[in-house]
Protein backbone atom coordinates (compact mmCIF):
# COMPACT_ATOMS: atom_id res chain seq x y z
CA MET A 1 47.94 38.34 -10.68
CA LEU A 2 47.89 41.16 -13.23
CA GLU A 3 46.31 38.84 -15.78
CA ALA A 4 43.51 37.96 -13.33
CA LEU A 5 42.88 41.66 -12.56
CA ARG A 6 42.78 42.54 -16.25
CA ALA A 7 40.26 39.75 -16.88
CA HIS A 8 38.20 41.01 -13.95
CA ARG A 9 38.25 44.56 -15.33
CA GLN A 10 37.02 43.26 -18.69
CA ARG A 11 34.14 41.36 -17.00
CA GLN A 12 33.29 44.51 -15.07
CA ARG A 13 33.20 46.56 -18.29
CA LEU A 14 30.75 44.05 -19.77
CA GLU A 15 28.60 44.23 -16.62
CA ARG A 16 28.57 48.02 -16.90
CA ILE A 17 27.40 47.80 -20.51
CA ALA A 18 24.75 45.19 -19.61
CA ALA A 19 23.45 47.41 -16.78
CA GLY A 20 22.75 50.16 -19.32
CA ALA A 21 22.43 53.89 -18.80
CA GLY A 22 21.62 54.65 -15.19
CA GLY A 23 21.91 50.98 -14.21
CA TRP A 24 25.51 51.16 -13.02
CA ALA A 25 26.32 53.01 -9.80
CA THR A 26 28.86 55.66 -10.81
CA THR A 27 28.85 57.37 -7.43
CA MET A 28 28.48 56.18 -3.87
CA PRO A 29 27.70 57.94 -0.57
CA LEU A 30 30.66 58.53 1.72
CA ARG A 31 30.40 59.85 5.27
CA THR A 32 32.77 62.80 5.71
CA GLY A 33 33.30 65.54 8.25
CA ARG A 34 30.77 67.60 6.31
CA GLY A 35 28.07 64.94 6.28
CA ILE A 36 27.38 62.43 3.54
CA GLN A 37 28.74 63.30 0.11
CA LEU A 38 28.63 61.47 -3.21
CA VAL A 39 32.05 60.42 -4.49
CA ASP A 40 33.11 58.72 -7.72
CA ASN A 41 32.75 54.96 -7.64
CA ASP A 42 36.20 53.78 -8.61
CA LEU A 43 35.87 50.38 -6.94
CA VAL A 44 37.68 47.29 -8.18
CA PHE A 45 35.24 44.75 -6.76
CA THR A 46 31.55 45.51 -7.10
CA THR A 47 28.19 43.87 -7.56
CA THR A 48 26.93 43.48 -11.14
CA SER A 49 25.34 46.94 -10.84
CA GLY A 50 28.47 48.74 -9.60
CA GLN A 51 27.54 48.84 -5.91
CA PRO A 52 30.20 48.00 -3.29
CA THR A 53 30.21 44.33 -2.37
CA SER A 54 29.17 43.58 1.18
CA GLY A 55 31.01 41.24 3.49
CA SER A 56 28.02 38.91 3.55
CA TYR A 57 28.12 38.64 -0.26
CA ILE A 58 31.79 37.67 -0.23
CA ASP A 59 31.31 35.36 2.74
CA ALA A 60 28.35 33.52 1.24
CA GLY A 61 29.61 33.29 -2.33
CA PRO A 62 33.21 33.52 -3.52
CA PHE A 63 34.89 32.74 -0.20
CA ARG A 64 32.73 29.67 0.40
CA GLU A 65 33.54 28.41 -3.10
CA VAL A 66 37.29 28.94 -2.63
CA CYS A 67 37.16 27.00 0.66
CA ARG A 68 35.14 24.20 -0.93
CA THR A 69 37.57 23.94 -3.85
CA ALA A 70 40.56 23.88 -1.49
CA GLY A 71 38.94 21.28 0.77
CA ILE A 72 38.91 23.66 3.75
CA ALA A 73 36.06 23.48 6.26
CA TYR A 74 34.02 26.67 5.95
CA SER A 75 31.79 28.30 8.52
CA ALA A 76 29.73 31.45 8.19
CA ARG A 77 28.95 31.86 11.89
CA GLU A 78 29.94 28.83 13.93
CA ARG A 79 33.51 28.15 14.96
CA LYS A 80 33.60 24.79 13.18
CA GLY A 81 35.57 26.00 10.19
CA LEU A 82 37.32 28.94 8.60
CA ARG A 83 35.39 32.22 8.54
CA PHE A 84 36.09 35.03 6.11
CA HIS A 85 36.89 37.32 9.05
CA ASP A 86 39.59 34.88 10.20
CA LEU A 87 41.69 36.07 7.26
CA ARG A 88 42.12 39.44 9.02
CA HIS A 89 43.57 37.71 12.08
CA SER A 90 45.88 35.66 9.87
CA THR A 91 47.07 38.76 8.04
CA ALA A 92 47.95 40.55 11.27
CA SER A 93 49.74 37.50 12.68
CA ILE A 94 51.73 36.90 9.50
CA MET A 95 52.74 40.54 9.34
CA ALA A 96 53.91 40.35 12.96
CA ALA A 97 55.80 37.15 12.22
CA ARG A 98 57.61 38.81 9.36
CA GLY A 99 58.75 41.53 11.73
CA GLU A 100 56.39 44.32 10.70
CA ARG A 101 56.08 47.14 13.21
CA PRO A 102 52.83 47.13 15.24
CA GLU A 103 51.96 50.64 13.98
CA VAL A 104 52.06 49.43 10.38
CA ILE A 105 49.88 46.42 11.18
CA GLN A 106 47.43 48.72 12.95
CA ARG A 107 47.17 50.94 9.87
CA VAL A 108 46.65 48.00 7.53
CA MET A 109 43.93 46.66 9.83
CA ARG A 110 42.48 50.19 10.09
CA HIS A 111 42.21 50.03 13.87
CA ALA A 112 42.12 53.16 16.04
CA LYS A 113 44.68 51.85 18.55
CA VAL A 114 47.79 49.70 18.26
CA SER A 115 46.90 47.95 21.52
CA PHE A 116 43.62 46.70 20.02
CA THR A 117 45.44 45.28 17.00
CA ILE A 118 47.99 43.45 19.09
CA ASP A 119 45.62 42.28 21.84
CA ARG A 120 42.77 41.14 19.57
CA TYR A 121 44.38 40.22 16.27
CA VAL A 122 47.92 39.04 16.81
CA LYS A 123 47.05 35.93 18.78
CA VAL A 124 50.44 34.27 19.10
CA TYR A 125 53.88 35.39 20.06
CA ARG A 126 55.88 36.97 17.27
CA ASP A 127 58.87 34.63 17.55
CA ASP A 128 56.66 31.54 17.35
CA VAL A 129 54.85 32.81 14.27
CA ARG A 130 58.06 34.06 12.65
CA ASP A 131 59.66 30.62 13.07
CA ALA A 132 56.58 28.92 11.58
CA VAL A 133 56.48 31.29 8.58
CA GLN A 134 60.19 30.79 7.93
CA ARG A 135 59.76 27.01 8.04
CA SER A 136 56.82 27.32 5.63
CA ASP A 137 58.84 29.59 3.30
CA ARG A 138 61.68 27.06 3.22
CA ARG A 139 59.24 24.28 2.28
CA THR A 140 57.55 26.25 -0.50
CA THR A 141 60.76 27.54 -2.06
CA ALA A 142 62.60 24.23 -1.90
C-alpha cells in the first residue's frame, strides 16, 4: 500500500508542475464557525489541478473501472449493481461484525447520531455478519 501511495504522490507532483504557477489549487474554502475561510490544500486525492475530487468523479471514473476489472456489476443510480455509496454501508457492517462499538462506527461514518448509523447503515445483525466475516477470514488465510 505504501508503494502505491508513494507512486500516487509522485504523479501528483508531476501534475502540480504541469499545472504551472497559479494552476494548482493550494488552498480551498472551508466552512467554519466564523464563515468560510481558506485553508491549505493538503489533500491526498485531487483532480489534476489540485481541487478536491467529487463523489461523481470517483463514481464515474475510477470506481467504475475497478468494478469492470473485477467483473462486478456496477450501477451509478439504479439498484442493479454495486454503487460507490454501497461501500459505506459495507464498511459499517464489517466494523459491526468485527465487534467495533457503535460510537466508533458513528464517528468513522461521520454521522450526528449513533441511532442513524445503526438503523440506516448496519443492515444485518452483528452476530450474522461477524460469523460471515470470520468464515471469510478463515478462507483467505488458509
